[in-house]
Amino acid sequence: MAFSRGPKEPVPEVETNVWSCTSDDCQGWMRESFSFNEEPSCPLCESTMEREVRVLPEVK
């Protein structure tokens, strides 16, 4: 079996809706499509979260 060490195909980046933690002490965030709650709390610190848009690698 051979493995290629050549350049990998770049993953396209797209604007993605995310939930972002509102706590200044926390960097928590999650993709909106991976959230089970309408208004989730942060899974790391349990603070409230707010919607924002980030440019992230596309997940298919």
PDB file of N, CA and C in Angstrom:
ATOM      1  N   MET A   1       0.847  -1.175   0.000  1.00  0.00           N
ATOM      2  CA  MET A   1       0.000   0.000   0.000  1.00  0.00           C
ATOM      3  C   MET A   1       0.892   1.237   0.000  1.00  0.00           C
ATOM      4  N   ALA A   2       0.620   2.190  -0.869  1.00  0.00           N
ATOM      5  CA  ALA A   2       1.435   3.395  -0.971  1.00  0.00           C
ATOM      6  C   ALA A   2       0.677   4.596  -0.418  1.00  0.00           C
ATOM      7  N   PHE A   3       1.399   5.444   0.262  1.00  0.00           N
ATOM      8  CA  PHE A   3       0.819   6.674   0.795  1.00  0.00           C
ATOM      9  C   PHE A   3       1.449   7.855   0.084  1.00  0.00           C
ATOM     10  N   SER A   4       0.626   8.783  -0.338  1.00  0.00           N
ATOM     11  CA  SER A   4       1.126   9.963  -1.028  1.00  0.00           C
ATOM     12  C   SER A   4       1.576  11.003  -0.015  1.00  0.00           C
ATOM     13  N   ARG A   5       2.745  11.565  -0.228  1.00  0.00           N
ATOM     14  CA  ARG A   5       3.220  12.638   0.644  1.00  0.00           C
ATOM     15  C   ARG A   5       3.096  13.988  -0.061  1.00  0.00           C
ATOM     16  N   GLY A   6       2.417  13.997  -1.172  1.00  0.00           N
ATOM     17  CA  GLY A   6       2.226  15.233  -1.925  1.00  0.00           C
ATOM     18  C   GLY A   6       1.256  16.157  -1.205  1.00  0.00           C
ATOM     19  N   PRO A   7       1.058  17.334  -1.775  1.00  0.00           N
ATOM     20  CA  PRO A   7       0.137  18.298  -1.138  1.00  0.00           C
ATOM     21  C   PRO A   7      -1.285  17.741  -1.083  1.00  0.00           C
ATOM     22  N   LYS A   8      -1.911  17.944   0.059  1.00  0.00           N
ATOM     23  CA  LYS A   8      -3.297  17.496   0.215  1.00  0.00           C
ATOM     24  C   LYS A   8      -4.225  18.518  -0.407  1.00  0.00           C
ATOM     25  N   GLU A   9      -5.389  18.042  -0.803  1.00  0.00           N
ATOM     26  CA  GLU A   9      -6.400  18.925  -1.358  1.00  0.00           C
ATOM     27  C   GLU A   9      -6.889  19.864  -0.263  1.00  0.00           C
ATOM     28  N   PRO A  10      -6.914  21.169  -0.507  1.00  0.00           N
ATOM     29  CA  PRO A  10      -7.372  22.081   0.551  1.00  0.00           C
ATOM     30  C   PRO A  10      -8.863  21.885   0.852  1.00  0.00           C
ATOM     31  N   VAL A  11      -9.204  21.988   2.122  1.00  0.00           N
ATOM     32  CA  VAL A  11     -10.599  21.867   2.539  1.00  0.00           C
ATOM     33  C   VAL A  11     -11.236  23.242   2.362  1.00  0.00           C
ATOM     34  N   PRO A  12     -12.339  23.324   1.620  1.00  0.00           N
ATOM     35  CA  PRO A  12     -12.976  24.637   1.434  1.00  0.00           C
ATOM     36  C   PRO A  12     -13.492  25.184   2.760  1.00  0.00           C
ATOM     37  N   GLU A  13     -13.358  26.506   2.937  1.00  0.00           N
ATOM     38  CA  GLU A  13     -13.875  27.154   4.135  1.00  0.00           C
ATOM     39  C   GLU A  13     -15.153  27.899   3.776  1.00  0.00           C
ATOM     40  N   VAL A  14     -16.132  27.826   4.671  1.00  0.00           N
ATOM     41  CA  VAL A  14     -17.428  28.448   4.425  1.00  0.00           C
ATOM     42  C   VAL A  14     -17.874  29.213   5.664  1.00  0.00           C
ATOM     43  N   GLU A  15     -18.727  30.223   5.460  1.00  0.00           N
ATOM     44  CA  GLU A  15     -19.314  30.927   6.592  1.00  0.00           C
ATOM     45  C   GLU A  15     -20.249  29.963   7.307  1.00  0.00           C
ATOM     46  N   THR A  16     -20.088  29.838   8.613  1.00  0.00           N
ATOM     47  CA  THR A  16     -20.803  28.844   9.395  1.00  0.00           C
ATOM     48  C   THR A  16     -21.414  29.508  10.621  1.00  0.00           C
ATOM     49  N   ASN A  17     -22.698  29.225  10.880  1.00  0.00           N
ATOM     50  CA  ASN A  17     -23.345  29.723  12.090  1.00  0.00           C
ATOM     51  C   ASN A  17     -22.856  28.908  13.275  1.00  0.00           C
ATOM     52  N   VAL A  18     -22.416  29.607  14.323  1.00  0.00           N
ATOM     53  CA  VAL A  18     -21.933  28.934  15.526  1.00  0.00           C
ATOM     54  C   VAL A  18     -22.560  29.573  16.760  1.00  0.00           C
ATOM     55  N   TRP A  19     -22.502  28.840  17.861  1.00  0.00           N
ATOM     56  CA  TRP A  19     -22.817  29.381  19.186  1.00  0.00           C
ATOM     57  C   TRP A  19     -21.480  29.661  19.844  1.00  0.00           C
ATOM     58  N   SER A  20     -21.303  30.851  20.420  1.00  0.00           N
ATOM     59  CA  SER A  20     -20.062  31.244  21.054  1.00  0.00           C
ATOM     60  C   SER A  20     -20.331  31.616  22.509  1.00  0.00           C
ATOM     61  N   CYS A  21     -19.471  31.159  23.419  1.00  0.00           N
ATOM     62  CA  CYS A  21     -19.639  31.425  24.843  1.00  0.00           C
ATOM     63  C   CYS A  21     -19.513  32.924  25.110  1.00  0.00           C
ATOM     64  N   THR A  22     -20.358  33.449  26.000  1.00  0.00           N
ATOM     65  CA  THR A  22     -20.336  34.872  26.324  1.00  0.00           C
ATOM     66  C   THR A  22     -19.368  35.199  27.457  1.00  0.00           C
ATOM     67  N   SER A  23     -18.810  34.192  28.115  1.00  0.00           N
ATOM     68  CA  SER A  23     -17.875  34.424  29.216  1.00  0.00           C
ATOM     69  C   SER A  23     -16.517  34.873  28.681  1.00  0.00           C
ATOM     70  N   ASP A  24     -15.954  35.919  29.280  1.00  0.00           N
ATOM     71  CA  ASP A  24     -14.633  36.412  28.870  1.00  0.00           C
ATOM     72  C   ASP A  24     -13.528  35.421  29.197  1.00  0.00           C
ATOM     73  N   ASP A  25     -13.793  34.522  30.143  1.00  0.00           N
ATOM     74  CA  ASP A  25     -12.776  33.558  30.579  1.00  0.00           C
ATOM     75  C   ASP A  25     -12.819  32.249  29.803  1.00  0.00           C
ATOM     76  N   CYS A  26     -13.741  32.123  28.859  1.00  0.00           N
ATOM     77  CA  CYS A  26     -13.941  30.851  28.152  1.00  0.00           C
ATOM     78  C   CYS A  26     -13.861  31.057  26.647  1.00  0.00           C
ATOM     79  N   GLN A  27     -13.290  30.095  25.955  1.00  0.00           N
ATOM     80  CA  GLN A  27     -13.166  30.143  24.494  1.00  0.00           C
ATOM     81  C   GLN A  27     -14.151  29.190  23.816  1.00  0.00           C
ATOM     82  N   GLY A  28     -15.113  28.680  24.566  1.00  0.00           N
ATOM     83  CA  GLY A  28     -16.017  27.656  24.040  1.00  0.00           C
ATOM     84  C   GLY A  28     -16.885  28.138  22.888  1.00  0.00           C
ATOM     85  N   TRP A  29     -17.090  27.245  21.927  1.00  0.00           N
ATOM     86  CA  TRP A  29     -18.005  27.503  20.819  1.00  0.00           C
ATOM     87  C   TRP A  29     -18.389  26.161  20.207  1.00  0.00           C
ATOM     88  N   MET A  30     -19.481  26.142  19.459  1.00  0.00           N
ATOM     89  CA  MET A  30     -19.894  24.937  18.735  1.00  0.00           C
ATOM     90  C   MET A  30     -20.663  25.333  17.487  1.00  0.00           C
ATOM     91  N   ARG A  31     -20.575  24.480  16.498  1.00  0.00           N
ATOM     92  CA  ARG A  31     -21.350  24.723  15.279  1.00  0.00           C
ATOM     93  C   ARG A  31     -22.835  24.636  15.621  1.00  0.00           C
ATOM     94  N   GLU A  32     -23.619  25.560  15.072  1.00  0.00           N
ATOM     95  CA  GLU A  32     -25.059  25.580  15.338  1.00  0.00           C
ATOM     96  C   GLU A  32     -25.698  24.259  14.924  1.00  0.00           C
ATOM     97  N   SER A  33     -25.228  23.667  13.829  1.00  0.00           N
ATOM     98  CA  SER A  33     -25.820  22.421  13.345  1.00  0.00           C
ATOM     99  C   SER A  33     -25.515  21.236  14.270  1.00  0.00           C
ATOM    100  N   PHE A  34     -24.559  21.376  15.183  1.00  0.00           N
ATOM    101  CA  PHE A  34     -24.224  20.299  16.121  1.00  0.00           C
ATOM    102  C   PHE A  34     -24.883  20.487  17.478  1.00  0.00           C
ATOM    103  N   SER A  35     -25.683  21.549  17.615  1.00  0.00           N
ATOM    104  CA  SER A  35     -26.345  21.841  18.885  1.00  0.00           C
ATOM    105  C   SER A  35     -27.705  21.151  18.935  1.00  0.00           C
ATOM    106  N   PHE A  36     -28.034  20.598  20.086  1.00  0.00           N
ATOM    107  CA  PHE A  36     -29.327  19.935  20.251  1.00  0.00           C
ATOM    108  C   PHE A  36     -30.374  20.866  20.854  1.00  0.00           C
ATOM    109  N   ASN A  37     -29.948  21.966  21.456  1.00  0.00           N
ATOM    110  CA  ASN A  37     -30.872  22.889  22.125  1.00  0.00           C
ATOM    111  C   ASN A  37     -31.083  24.142  21.299  1.00  0.00           C
ATOM    112  N   GLU A  38     -32.253  24.749  21.481  1.00  0.00           N
ATOM    113  CA  GLU A  38     -32.549  25.980  20.759  1.00  0.00           C
ATOM    114  C   GLU A  38     -31.628  27.106  21.220  1.00  0.00           C
ATOM    115  N   GLU A  39     -31.338  27.178  22.519  1.00  0.00           N
ATOM    116  CA  GLU A  39     -30.393  28.139  23.077  1.00  0.00           C
ATOM    117  C   GLU A  39     -29.488  27.389  24.053  1.00  0.00           C
ATOM    118  N   PRO A  40     -28.399  26.817  23.566  1.00  0.00           N
ATOM    119  CA  PRO A  40     -27.552  25.982  24.421  1.00  0.00           C
ATOM    120  C   PRO A  40     -26.759  26.797  25.441  1.00  0.00           C
ATOM    121  N   SER A  41     -26.342  26.125  26.506  1.00  0.00           N
ATOM    122  CA  SER A  41     -25.369  26.723  27.430  1.00  0.00           C
ATOM    123  C   SER A  41     -24.007  26.139  27.058  1.00  0.00           C
ATOM    124  N   CYS A  42     -22.959  26.832  27.436  1.00  0.00           N
ATOM    125  CA  CYS A  42     -21.613  26.407  27.074  1.00  0.00           C
ATOM    126  C   CYS A  42     -21.303  25.043  27.684  1.00  0.00           C
ATOM    127  N   PRO A  43     -20.828  24.086  26.875  1.00  0.00           N
ATOM    128  CA  PRO A  43     -20.510  22.759  27.406  1.00  0.00           C
ATOM    129  C   PRO A  43     -19.273  22.769  28.299  1.00  0.00           C
ATOM    130  N   LEU A  44     -18.476  23.843  28.253  1.00  0.00           N
ATOM    131  CA  LEU A  44     -17.263  23.916  29.070  1.00  0.00           C
ATOM    132  C   LEU A  44     -17.495  24.603  30.415  1.00  0.00           C
ATOM    133  N   CYS A  45     -18.218  25.729  30.407  1.00  0.00           N
ATOM    134  CA  CYS A  45     -18.384  26.494  31.650  1.00  0.00           C
ATOM    135  C   CYS A  45     -19.846  26.739  32.021  1.00  0.00           C
ATOM    136  N   GLU A  46     -20.772  26.326  31.152  1.00  0.00           N
ATOM    137  CA  GLU A  46     -22.220  26.447  31.363  1.00  0.00           C
ATOM    138  C   GLU A  46     -22.736  27.883  31.336  1.00  0.00           C
ATOM    139  N   SER A  47     -21.949  28.837  30.795  1.00  0.00           N
ATOM    140  CA  SER A  47     -22.418  30.208  30.602  1.00  0.00           C
ATOM    141  C   SER A  47     -23.380  30.244  29.419  1.00  0.00           C
ATOM    142  N   THR A  48     -24.043  31.378  29.249  1.00  0.00           N
ATOM    143  CA  THR A  48     -24.923  31.523  28.087  1.00  0.00           C
ATOM    144  C   THR A  48     -24.070  31.644  26.828  1.00  0.00           C
ATOM    145  N   MET A  49     -24.696  31.350  25.698  1.00  0.00           N
ATOM    146  CA  MET A  49     -23.996  31.427  24.418  1.00  0.00           C
ATOM    147  C   MET A  49     -24.780  32.335  23.487  1.00  0.00           C
ATOM    148  N   GLU A  50     -24.080  32.927  22.514  1.00  0.00           N
ATOM    149  CA  GLU A  50     -24.742  33.776  21.528  1.00  0.00           C
ATOM    150  C   GLU A  50     -24.332  33.335  20.134  1.00  0.00           C
ATOM    151  N   ARG A  51     -25.210  33.606  19.172  1.00  0.00           N
ATOM    152  CA  ARG A  51     -24.934  33.221  17.786  1.00  0.00           C
ATOM    153  C   ARG A  51     -23.921  34.166  17.170  1.00  0.00           C
ATOM    154  N   GLU A  52     -23.068  33.606  16.335  1.00  0.00           N
ATOM    155  CA  GLU A  52     -22.168  34.407  15.509  1.00  0.00           C
ATOM    156  C   GLU A  52     -21.817  33.593  14.274  1.00  0.00           C
ATOM    157  N   VAL A  53     -21.155  34.230  13.323  1.00  0.00           N
ATOM    158  CA  VAL A  53     -20.762  33.568  12.085  1.00  0.00           C
ATOM    159  C   VAL A  53     -19.238  33.525  12.047  1.00  0.00           C
ATOM    160  N   ARG A  54     -18.687  32.346  11.747  1.00  0.00           N
ATOM    161  CA  ARG A  54     -17.240  32.166  11.600  1.00  0.00           C
ATOM    162  C   ARG A  54     -16.962  31.499  10.273  1.00  0.00           C
ATOM    163  N   VAL A  55     -15.774  31.736   9.738  1.00  0.00           N
ATOM    164  CA  VAL A  55     -15.345  31.050   8.520  1.00  0.00           C
ATOM    165  C   VAL A  55     -14.569  29.813   8.984  1.00  0.00           C
ATOM    166  N   LEU A  56     -15.147  28.631   8.707  1.00  0.00           N
ATOM    167  CA  LEU A  56     -14.586  27.362   9.177  1.00  0.00           C
ATOM    168  C   LEU A  56     -14.465  26.372   8.036  1.00  0.00           C
ATOM    169  N   PRO A  57     -13.621  25.356   8.209  1.00  0.00           N
ATOM    170  CA  PRO A  57     -13.569  24.293   7.198  1.00  0.00           C
ATOM    171  C   PRO A  57     -14.936  23.636   7.057  1.00  0.00           C
ATOM    172  N   GLU A  58     -15.312  23.347   5.832  1.00  0.00           N
ATOM    173  CA  GLU A  58     -16.615  22.742   5.547  1.00  0.00           C
ATOM    174  C   GLU A  58     -16.687  21.326   6.097  1.00  0.00           C
ATOM    175  N   VAL A  59     -17.806  21.001   6.743  1.00  0.00           N
ATOM    176  CA  VAL A  59     -18.064  19.658   7.248  1.00  0.00           C
ATOM    177  C   VAL A  59     -19.185  19.085   6.409  1.00  0.00           C
ATOM    178  N   LYS A  60     -18.943  17.900   5.843  1.00  0.00           N
ATOM    179  CA  LYS A  60     -19.979  17.306   4.984  1.00  0.00           C
ATOM    180  C   LYS A  60     -20.708  16.214   5.685  1.00  0.00           C
TER     181      LYS A  60
END
